[in-house]
All heavy atoms as atom14 arrays in JSON, in Angstrom:
{
  "sequence": "ALEGLLRKAVRHRVPTLAVCLGAQLLAGAHGGLVERGTSGP",
  "atom14_mask": [
    [1, 1, 1, 1, 1, 0, 0, 0, 0, 0, 0, 0, 0, 0],
    [1, 1, 1, 1, 1, 1, 1, 1, 0, 0, 0, 0, 0, 0],
    [1, 1, 1, 1, 1, 1, 1, 1, 1, 0, 0, 0, 0, 0],
    [1, 1, 1, 1, 0, 0, 0, 0, 0, 0, 0, 0, 0, 0],
    [1, 1, 1, 1, 1, 1, 1, 1, 0, 0, 0, 0, 0, 0],
    [1, 1, 1, 1, 1, 1, 1, 1, 0, 0, 0, 0, 0, 0],
    [1, 1, 1, 1, 1, 1, 1, 1, 1, 1, 1, 0, 0, 0],
    [1, 1, 1, 1, 1, 1, 1, 1, 1, 0, 0, 0, 0, 0],
    [1, 1, 1, 1, 1, 0, 0, 0, 0, 0, 0, 0, 0, 0],
    [1, 1, 1, 1, 1, 1, 1, 0, 0, 0, 0, 0, 0, 0],
    [1, 1, 1, 1, 1, 1, 1, 1, 1, 1, 1, 0, 0, 0],
    [1, 1, 1, 1, 1, 1, 1, 1, 1, 1, 0, 0, 0, 0],
    [1, 1, 1, 1, 1, 1, 1, 1, 1, 1, 1, 0, 0, 0],
    [1, 1, 1, 1, 1, 1, 1, 0, 0, 0, 0, 0, 0, 0],
    [1, 1, 1, 1, 1, 1, 1, 0, 0, 0, 0, 0, 0, 0],
    [1, 1, 1, 1, 1, 1, 1, 0, 0, 0, 0, 0, 0, 0],
    [1, 1, 1, 1, 1, 1, 1, 1, 0, 0, 0, 0, 0, 0],
    [1, 1, 1, 1, 1, 0, 0, 0, 0, 0, 0, 0, 0, 0],
    [1, 1, 1, 1, 1, 1, 1, 0, 0, 0, 0, 0, 0, 0],
    [1, 1, 1, 1, 1, 1, 0, 0, 0, 0, 0, 0, 0, 0],
    [1, 1, 1, 1, 1, 1, 1, 1, 0, 0, 0, 0, 0, 0],
    [1, 1, 1, 1, 0, 0, 0, 0, 0, 0, 0, 0, 0, 0],
    [1, 1, 1, 1, 1, 0, 0, 0, 0, 0, 0, 0, 0, 0],
    [1, 1, 1, 1, 1, 1, 1, 1, 1, 0, 0, 0, 0, 0],
    [1, 1, 1, 1, 1, 1, 1, 1, 0, 0, 0, 0, 0, 0],
    [1, 1, 1, 1, 1, 1, 1, 1, 0, 0, 0, 0, 0, 0],
    [1, 1, 1, 1, 1, 0, 0, 0, 0, 0, 0, 0, 0, 0],
    [1, 1, 1, 1, 0, 0, 0, 0, 0, 0, 0, 0, 0, 0],
    [1, 1, 1, 1, 1, 0, 0, 0, 0, 0, 0, 0, 0, 0],
    [1, 1, 1, 1, 1, 1, 1, 1, 1, 1, 0, 0, 0, 0],
    [1, 1, 1, 1, 0, 0, 0, 0, 0, 0, 0, 0, 0, 0],
    [1, 1, 1, 1, 0, 0, 0, 0, 0, 0, 0, 0, 0, 0],
    [1, 1, 1, 1, 1, 1, 1, 1, 0, 0, 0, 0, 0, 0],
    [1, 1, 1, 1, 1, 1, 1, 0, 0, 0, 0, 0, 0, 0],
    [1, 1, 1, 1, 1, 1, 1, 1, 1, 0, 0, 0, 0, 0],
    [1, 1, 1, 1, 1, 1, 1, 1, 1, 1, 1, 0, 0, 0],
    [1, 1, 1, 1, 0, 0, 0, 0, 0, 0, 0, 0, 0, 0],
    [1, 1, 1, 1, 1, 1, 1, 0, 0, 0, 0, 0, 0, 0],
    [1, 1, 1, 1, 1, 1, 0, 0, 0, 0, 0, 0, 0, 0],
    [1, 1, 1, 1, 0, 0, 0, 0, 0, 0, 0, 0, 0, 0],
    [1, 1, 1, 1, 1, 1, 1, 0, 0, 0, 0, 0, 0, 0]
  ],
  "atom14_positions": [
    [[3.52, -48.17, -89.23], [2.21, -47.39, -89.07], [1.13, -48.0, -89.95], [-0.09, -48.14, -89.44], [2.44, -45.95, -89.33], [0.0, 0.0, 0.0], [0.0, 0.0, 0.0], [0.0, 0.0, 0.0], [0.0, 0.0, 0.0], [0.0, 0.0, 0.0], [0.0, 0.0, 0.0], [0.0, 0.0, 0.0], [0.0, 0.0, 0.0], [0.0, 0.0, 0.0]],
    [[1.45, -48.3, -91.22], [0.53, -48.89, -92.09], [-0.04, -50.28, -91.61], [-1.27, -50.58, -91.61], [1.02, -49.01, -93.5], [0.16, -49.68, -94.59], [-1.17, -48.93, -94.6], [0.78, -49.62, -95.9], [0.0, 0.0, 0.0], [0.0, 0.0, 0.0], [0.0, 0.0, 0.0], [0.0, 0.0, 0.0], [0.0, 0.0, 0.0], [0.0, 0.0, 0.0]],
    [[0.84, -51.1, -91.08], [0.48, -52.41, -90.53], [-0.5, -52.14, -89.28], [-1.49, -52.92, -89.04], [1.7, -53.27, -90.1], [2.33, -53.74, -91.24], [3.54, -54.68, -90.94], [4.04, -54.53, -89.86], [3.85, -55.54, -91.72], [0.0, 0.0, 0.0], [0.0, 0.0, 0.0], [0.0, 0.0, 0.0], [0.0, 0.0, 0.0], [0.0, 0.0, 0.0]],
    [[-0.17, -51.2, -88.44], [-1.06, -50.77, -87.33], [-2.44, -50.42, -87.84], [-3.49, -50.77, -87.26], [0.0, 0.0, 0.0], [0.0, 0.0, 0.0], [0.0, 0.0, 0.0], [0.0, 0.0, 0.0], [0.0, 0.0, 0.0], [0.0, 0.0, 0.0], [0.0, 0.0, 0.0], [0.0, 0.0, 0.0], [0.0, 0.0, 0.0], [0.0, 0.0, 0.0]],
    [[-2.52, -49.67, -88.9], [-3.77, -49.23, -89.51], [-4.5, -50.42, -90.05], [-5.76, -50.55, -89.87], [-3.54, -48.25, -90.64], [-4.56, -47.19, -90.91], [-4.87, -46.3, -89.71], [-4.16, -46.33, -92.09], [0.0, 0.0, 0.0], [0.0, 0.0, 0.0], [0.0, 0.0, 0.0], [0.0, 0.0, 0.0], [0.0, 0.0, 0.0], [0.0, 0.0, 0.0]],
    [[-3.86, -51.39, -90.62], [-4.5, -52.59, -91.11], [-5.02, -53.37, -90.02], [-6.13, -54.0, -90.07], [-3.51, -53.49, -91.95], [-3.15, -52.95, -93.29], [-1.92, -53.55, -93.89], [-4.33, -53.12, -94.24], [0.0, 0.0, 0.0], [0.0, 0.0, 0.0], [0.0, 0.0, 0.0], [0.0, 0.0, 0.0], [0.0, 0.0, 0.0], [0.0, 0.0, 0.0]],
    [[-4.31, -53.5, -88.8], [-4.85, -54.17, -87.64], [-6.11, -53.47, -87.21], [-7.13, -54.24, -86.8], [-3.77, -54.25, -86.64], [-2.73, -55.3, -87.0], [-1.85, -55.54, -85.73], [-0.87, -54.47, -85.5], [0.29, -54.35, -86.02], [0.79, -55.3, -86.81], [1.07, -53.3, -85.78], [0.0, 0.0, 0.0], [0.0, 0.0, 0.0], [0.0, 0.0, 0.0]],
    [[-6.15, -52.21, -87.23], [-7.35, -51.46, -86.69], [-8.49, -51.7, -87.63], [-9.59, -51.75, -87.18], [-6.94, -50.05, -86.52], [-6.0, -49.72, -85.42], [-5.75, -48.17, -85.35], [-4.75, -47.97, -84.16], [-4.37, -46.41, -84.14], [0.0, 0.0, 0.0], [0.0, 0.0, 0.0], [0.0, 0.0, 0.0], [0.0, 0.0, 0.0], [0.0, 0.0, 0.0]],
    [[-8.17, -51.79, -88.85], [-9.27, -51.95, -89.86], [-9.99, -53.28, -89.66], [-11.19, -53.35, -89.65], [-8.7, -51.85, -91.27], [0.0, 0.0, 0.0], [0.0, 0.0, 0.0], [0.0, 0.0, 0.0], [0.0, 0.0, 0.0], [0.0, 0.0, 0.0], [0.0, 0.0, 0.0], [0.0, 0.0, 0.0], [0.0, 0.0, 0.0], [0.0, 0.0, 0.0]],
    [[-9.12, -54.29, -89.46], [-9.73, -55.65, -89.18], [-10.52, -55.66, -87.94], [-11.58, -56.18, -87.83], [-8.61, -56.77, -89.3], [-9.13, -58.12, -88.87], [-8.07, -56.74, -90.73], [0.0, 0.0, 0.0], [0.0, 0.0, 0.0], [0.0, 0.0, 0.0], [0.0, 0.0, 0.0], [0.0, 0.0, 0.0], [0.0, 0.0, 0.0], [0.0, 0.0, 0.0]],
    [[-9.83, -55.17, -86.85], [-10.47, -55.15, -85.56], [-11.8, -54.46, -85.54], [-12.78, -54.9, -84.95], [-9.57, -54.44, -84.46], [-9.98, -54.61, -83.08], [-9.14, -53.82, -82.14], [-7.64, -54.21, -82.32], [-6.67, -53.27, -82.55], [-6.94, -52.06, -82.6], [-5.48, -53.77, -82.74], [0.0, 0.0, 0.0], [0.0, 0.0, 0.0], [0.0, 0.0, 0.0]],
    [[-11.85, -53.31, -86.28], [-13.13, -52.58, -86.27], [-14.0, -52.73, -87.45], [-14.91, -52.05, -87.7], [-12.8, -51.08, -86.14], [-12.01, -50.71, -84.88], [-12.68, -50.69, -83.67], [-10.76, -50.24, -84.7], [-11.8, -50.32, -82.71], [-10.61, -50.1, -83.37], [0.0, 0.0, 0.0], [0.0, 0.0, 0.0], [0.0, 0.0, 0.0], [0.0, 0.0, 0.0]],
    [[-13.71, -53.87, -88.18], [-14.49, -54.31, -89.3], [-14.7, -53.19, -90.38], [-15.88, -53.05, -90.94], [-15.91, -54.73, -88.8], [-15.8, -55.93, -87.79], [-17.08, -56.39, -87.32], [-17.86, -57.05, -88.44], [-19.06, -56.72, -88.76], [-19.67, -55.68, -88.21], [-19.68, -57.41, -89.73], [0.0, 0.0, 0.0], [0.0, 0.0, 0.0], [0.0, 0.0, 0.0]],
    [[-13.71, -52.46, -90.67], [-13.7, -51.51, -91.79], [-13.39, -52.17, -93.03], [-12.37, -52.87, -93.12], [-12.66, -50.36, -91.52], [-12.63, -49.47, -92.73], [-12.93, -49.66, -90.28], [0.0, 0.0, 0.0], [0.0, 0.0, 0.0], [0.0, 0.0, 0.0], [0.0, 0.0, 0.0], [0.0, 0.0, 0.0], [0.0, 0.0, 0.0], [0.0, 0.0, 0.0]],
    [[-14.34, -52.3, -94.05], [-14.0, -52.92, -95.29], [-12.58, -52.62, -95.83], [-12.35, -51.43, -95.96], [-15.1, -52.52, -96.23], [-16.33, -52.24, -95.3], [-15.57, -51.68, -94.05], [0.0, 0.0, 0.0], [0.0, 0.0, 0.0], [0.0, 0.0, 0.0], [0.0, 0.0, 0.0], [0.0, 0.0, 0.0], [0.0, 0.0, 0.0], [0.0, 0.0, 0.0]],
    [[-11.89, -53.62, -96.11], [-10.38, -53.45, -96.5], [-10.11, -54.29, -97.82], [-10.4, -55.39, -97.86], [-9.45, -53.77, -95.37], [-9.73, -52.93, -94.29], [-8.06, -53.67, -95.84], [0.0, 0.0, 0.0], [0.0, 0.0, 0.0], [0.0, 0.0, 0.0], [0.0, 0.0, 0.0], [0.0, 0.0, 0.0], [0.0, 0.0, 0.0], [0.0, 0.0, 0.0]],
    [[-9.46, -53.66, -98.66], [-8.88, -54.39, -99.88], [-7.47, -54.12, -100.1], [-7.01, -52.88, -100.24], [-9.73, -53.99, -101.08], [-9.38, -54.64, -102.39], [-9.63, -56.11, -102.37], [-10.15, -54.03, -103.64], [0.0, 0.0, 0.0], [0.0, 0.0, 0.0], [0.0, 0.0, 0.0], [0.0, 0.0, 0.0], [0.0, 0.0, 0.0], [0.0, 0.0, 0.0]],
    [[-6.66, -55.14, -100.06], [-5.19, -54.89, -100.11], [-4.68, -55.68, -101.29], [-4.96, -56.87, -101.47], [-4.58, -55.48, -98.77], [0.0, 0.0, 0.0], [0.0, 0.0, 0.0], [0.0, 0.0, 0.0], [0.0, 0.0, 0.0], [0.0, 0.0, 0.0], [0.0, 0.0, 0.0], [0.0, 0.0, 0.0], [0.0, 0.0, 0.0], [0.0, 0.0, 0.0]],
    [[-3.9, -55.11, -102.13], [-3.37, -55.58, -103.38], [-1.86, -55.86, -103.35], [-1.11, -54.96, -103.09], [-3.77, -54.68, -104.55], [-3.29, -55.11, -105.88], [-5.29, -54.4, -104.57], [0.0, 0.0, 0.0], [0.0, 0.0, 0.0], [0.0, 0.0, 0.0], [0.0, 0.0, 0.0], [0.0, 0.0, 0.0], [0.0, 0.0, 0.0], [0.0, 0.0, 0.0]],
    [[-1.41, -57.03, -103.76], [-0.11, -57.53, -103.84], [0.76, -57.12, -102.63], [0.52, -57.82, -101.7], [0.52, -56.84, -105.06], [1.94, -57.78, -105.71], [0.0, 0.0, 0.0], [0.0, 0.0, 0.0], [0.0, 0.0, 0.0], [0.0, 0.0, 0.0], [0.0, 0.0, 0.0], [0.0, 0.0, 0.0], [0.0, 0.0, 0.0], [0.0, 0.0, 0.0]],
    [[1.58, -56.08, -102.71], [2.35, -55.8, -101.51], [1.35, -55.4, -100.3], [1.65, -55.87, -99.21], [3.22, -54.45, -101.76], [3.8, -53.87, -100.54], [4.86, -54.73, -99.98], [4.5, -52.47, -100.95], [0.0, 0.0, 0.0], [0.0, 0.0, 0.0], [0.0, 0.0, 0.0], [0.0, 0.0, 0.0], [0.0, 0.0, 0.0], [0.0, 0.0, 0.0]],
    [[0.22, -54.77, -100.66], [-0.77, -54.53, -99.68], [-1.24, -55.86, -98.97], [-1.47, -55.86, -97.74], [0.0, 0.0, 0.0], [0.0, 0.0, 0.0], [0.0, 0.0, 0.0], [0.0, 0.0, 0.0], [0.0, 0.0, 0.0], [0.0, 0.0, 0.0], [0.0, 0.0, 0.0], [0.0, 0.0, 0.0], [0.0, 0.0, 0.0], [0.0, 0.0, 0.0]],
    [[-1.44, -56.82, -99.78], [-1.97, -58.09, -99.22], [-0.8, -58.75, -98.33], [-1.13, -59.29, -97.3], [-2.28, -59.17, -100.39], [0.0, 0.0, 0.0], [0.0, 0.0, 0.0], [0.0, 0.0, 0.0], [0.0, 0.0, 0.0], [0.0, 0.0, 0.0], [0.0, 0.0, 0.0], [0.0, 0.0, 0.0], [0.0, 0.0, 0.0], [0.0, 0.0, 0.0]],
    [[0.4, -58.63, -98.77], [1.51, -59.14, -98.03], [1.63, -58.32, -96.56], [1.77, -58.97, -95.57], [2.88, -58.99, -98.71], [2.85, -59.82, -99.98], [4.04, -59.6, -100.86], [4.88, -58.68, -100.56], [4.14, -60.29, -101.96], [0.0, 0.0, 0.0], [0.0, 0.0, 0.0], [0.0, 0.0, 0.0], [0.0, 0.0, 0.0], [0.0, 0.0, 0.0]],
    [[1.4, -57.14, -96.64], [1.42, -56.3, -95.35], [0.25, -56.6, -94.43], [0.35, -56.77, -93.21], [1.33, -54.82, -95.64], [2.7, -54.24, -96.28], [2.45, -52.83, -96.84], [3.76, -54.16, -95.33], [0.0, 0.0, 0.0], [0.0, 0.0, 0.0], [0.0, 0.0, 0.0], [0.0, 0.0, 0.0], [0.0, 0.0, 0.0], [0.0, 0.0, 0.0]],
    [[-0.96, -57.01, -95.12], [-2.15, -57.33, -94.42], [-1.79, -58.67, -93.7], [-2.19, -58.85, -92.45], [-3.35, -57.44, -95.35], [-4.58, -58.01, -94.69], [-5.15, -56.99, -93.65], [-5.65, -58.18, -95.78], [0.0, 0.0, 0.0], [0.0, 0.0, 0.0], [0.0, 0.0, 0.0], [0.0, 0.0, 0.0], [0.0, 0.0, 0.0], [0.0, 0.0, 0.0]],
    [[-1.24, -59.56, -94.39], [-0.93, -60.85, -93.69], [0.14, -60.78, -92.68], [-0.05, -61.32, -91.6], [-0.38, -61.83, -94.77], [0.0, 0.0, 0.0], [0.0, 0.0, 0.0], [0.0, 0.0, 0.0], [0.0, 0.0, 0.0], [0.0, 0.0, 0.0], [0.0, 0.0, 0.0], [0.0, 0.0, 0.0], [0.0, 0.0, 0.0], [0.0, 0.0, 0.0]],
    [[1.2, -60.03, -92.92], [2.25, -59.84, -91.95], [1.77, -59.17, -90.67], [2.3, -59.44, -89.61], [0.0, 0.0, 0.0], [0.0, 0.0, 0.0], [0.0, 0.0, 0.0], [0.0, 0.0, 0.0], [0.0, 0.0, 0.0], [0.0, 0.0, 0.0], [0.0, 0.0, 0.0], [0.0, 0.0, 0.0], [0.0, 0.0, 0.0], [0.0, 0.0, 0.0]],
    [[0.85, -58.22, -90.87], [0.34, -57.44, -89.69], [-0.46, -58.35, -88.75], [-0.69, -57.95, -87.68], [-0.55, -56.24, -90.17], [0.0, 0.0, 0.0], [0.0, 0.0, 0.0], [0.0, 0.0, 0.0], [0.0, 0.0, 0.0], [0.0, 0.0, 0.0], [0.0, 0.0, 0.0], [0.0, 0.0, 0.0], [0.0, 0.0, 0.0], [0.0, 0.0, 0.0]],
    [[-0.94, -59.49, -89.32], [-1.76, -60.42, -88.43], [-1.08, -61.71, -88.26], [-1.77, -62.75, -88.02], [-3.05, -60.58, -89.09], [-3.95, -59.3, -89.14], [-3.8, -58.36, -90.15], [-4.84, -58.8, -88.26], [-4.62, -57.41, -89.84], [-5.27, -57.68, -88.7], [0.0, 0.0, 0.0], [0.0, 0.0, 0.0], [0.0, 0.0, 0.0], [0.0, 0.0, 0.0]],
    [[0.19, -61.77, -88.31], [0.93, -63.01, -87.84], [1.35, -63.92, -88.97], [1.79, -64.97, -88.73], [0.0, 0.0, 0.0], [0.0, 0.0, 0.0], [0.0, 0.0, 0.0], [0.0, 0.0, 0.0], [0.0, 0.0, 0.0], [0.0, 0.0, 0.0], [0.0, 0.0, 0.0], [0.0, 0.0, 0.0], [0.0, 0.0, 0.0], [0.0, 0.0, 0.0]],
    [[1.0, -63.48, -90.29], [1.4, -64.37, -91.32], [2.9, -64.05, -91.58], [3.57, -63.31, -90.99], [0.0, 0.0, 0.0], [0.0, 0.0, 0.0], [0.0, 0.0, 0.0], [0.0, 0.0, 0.0], [0.0, 0.0, 0.0], [0.0, 0.0, 0.0], [0.0, 0.0, 0.0], [0.0, 0.0, 0.0], [0.0, 0.0, 0.0], [0.0, 0.0, 0.0]],
    [[3.34, -64.84, -92.55], [4.86, -64.85, -92.91], [4.99, -64.52, -94.48], [4.42, -65.13, -95.27], [5.5, -66.11, -92.59], [7.06, -66.25, -92.81], [7.71, -65.2, -91.98], [7.5, -67.64, -92.52], [0.0, 0.0, 0.0], [0.0, 0.0, 0.0], [0.0, 0.0, 0.0], [0.0, 0.0, 0.0], [0.0, 0.0, 0.0], [0.0, 0.0, 0.0]],
    [[5.82, -63.49, -94.67], [6.15, -63.05, -96.07], [7.63, -63.3, -96.31], [8.41, -62.77, -95.54], [5.68, -61.66, -96.39], [6.0, -61.35, -97.8], [4.22, -61.39, -96.04], [0.0, 0.0, 0.0], [0.0, 0.0, 0.0], [0.0, 0.0, 0.0], [0.0, 0.0, 0.0], [0.0, 0.0, 0.0], [0.0, 0.0, 0.0], [0.0, 0.0, 0.0]],
    [[8.09, -63.92, -97.42], [9.42, -64.14, -97.67], [9.62, -64.12, -99.26], [8.76, -63.97, -99.93], [9.76, -65.61, -97.24], [9.61, -65.92, -95.78], [9.8, -67.24, -95.33], [8.99, -68.17, -95.74], [10.89, -67.62, -94.7], [0.0, 0.0, 0.0], [0.0, 0.0, 0.0], [0.0, 0.0, 0.0], [0.0, 0.0, 0.0], [0.0, 0.0, 0.0]],
    [[10.91, -64.18, -99.59], [11.26, -64.23, -100.96], [10.74, -65.53, -101.59], [10.97, -66.65, -100.88], [12.77, -64.13, -101.19], [13.23, -64.14, -102.59], [12.68, -63.17, -103.48], [12.74, -61.78, -103.03], [13.75, -60.92, -103.42], [14.64, -61.34, -104.11], [13.73, -59.71, -102.89], [0.0, 0.0, 0.0], [0.0, 0.0, 0.0], [0.0, 0.0, 0.0]],
    [[10.02, -65.48, -102.66], [9.36, -66.73, -103.19], [10.37, -67.66, -103.71], [11.37, -67.22, -104.39], [0.0, 0.0, 0.0], [0.0, 0.0, 0.0], [0.0, 0.0, 0.0], [0.0, 0.0, 0.0], [0.0, 0.0, 0.0], [0.0, 0.0, 0.0], [0.0, 0.0, 0.0], [0.0, 0.0, 0.0], [0.0, 0.0, 0.0], [0.0, 0.0, 0.0]],
    [[10.3, -68.84, -103.35], [11.18, -69.96, -103.83], [10.97, -70.37, -105.25], [11.79, -71.01, -105.85], [11.15, -71.18, -102.89], [9.82, -71.68, -102.98], [11.54, -70.76, -101.51], [0.0, 0.0, 0.0], [0.0, 0.0, 0.0], [0.0, 0.0, 0.0], [0.0, 0.0, 0.0], [0.0, 0.0, 0.0], [0.0, 0.0, 0.0], [0.0, 0.0, 0.0]],
    [[9.8, -70.07, -105.86], [9.41, -70.45, -107.2], [9.85, -69.4, -108.23], [9.53, -69.51, -109.37], [7.97, -70.7, -107.29], [7.57, -71.82, -106.44], [0.0, 0.0, 0.0], [0.0, 0.0, 0.0], [0.0, 0.0, 0.0], [0.0, 0.0, 0.0], [0.0, 0.0, 0.0], [0.0, 0.0, 0.0], [0.0, 0.0, 0.0], [0.0, 0.0, 0.0]],
    [[10.49, -68.29, -107.78], [10.91, -67.3, -108.73], [9.83, -66.32, -108.98], [8.67, -66.41, -108.54], [0.0, 0.0, 0.0], [0.0, 0.0, 0.0], [0.0, 0.0, 0.0], [0.0, 0.0, 0.0], [0.0, 0.0, 0.0], [0.0, 0.0, 0.0], [0.0, 0.0, 0.0], [0.0, 0.0, 0.0], [0.0, 0.0, 0.0], [0.0, 0.0, 0.0]],
    [[10.18, -65.26, -109.7], [9.14, -64.16, -110.02], [8.04, -64.67, -110.78], [8.13, -65.6, -111.65], [10.03, -63.16, -110.81], [11.49, -63.42, -110.51], [11.51, -64.9, -110.22], [0.0, 0.0, 0.0], [0.0, 0.0, 0.0], [0.0, 0.0, 0.0], [0.0, 0.0, 0.0], [0.0, 0.0, 0.0], [0.0, 0.0, 0.0], [0.0, 0.0, 0.0]]
  ]
}
């Protein structure tokens, strides 16, 4: 549901700021890829 809300925000040009996990969800909601980092924490 949150990813759907992020897609609506971008589609309707609602100013959006996504932090860390939020940024990953924003990317994933729009076709990006989030994975376990290979460089470690």
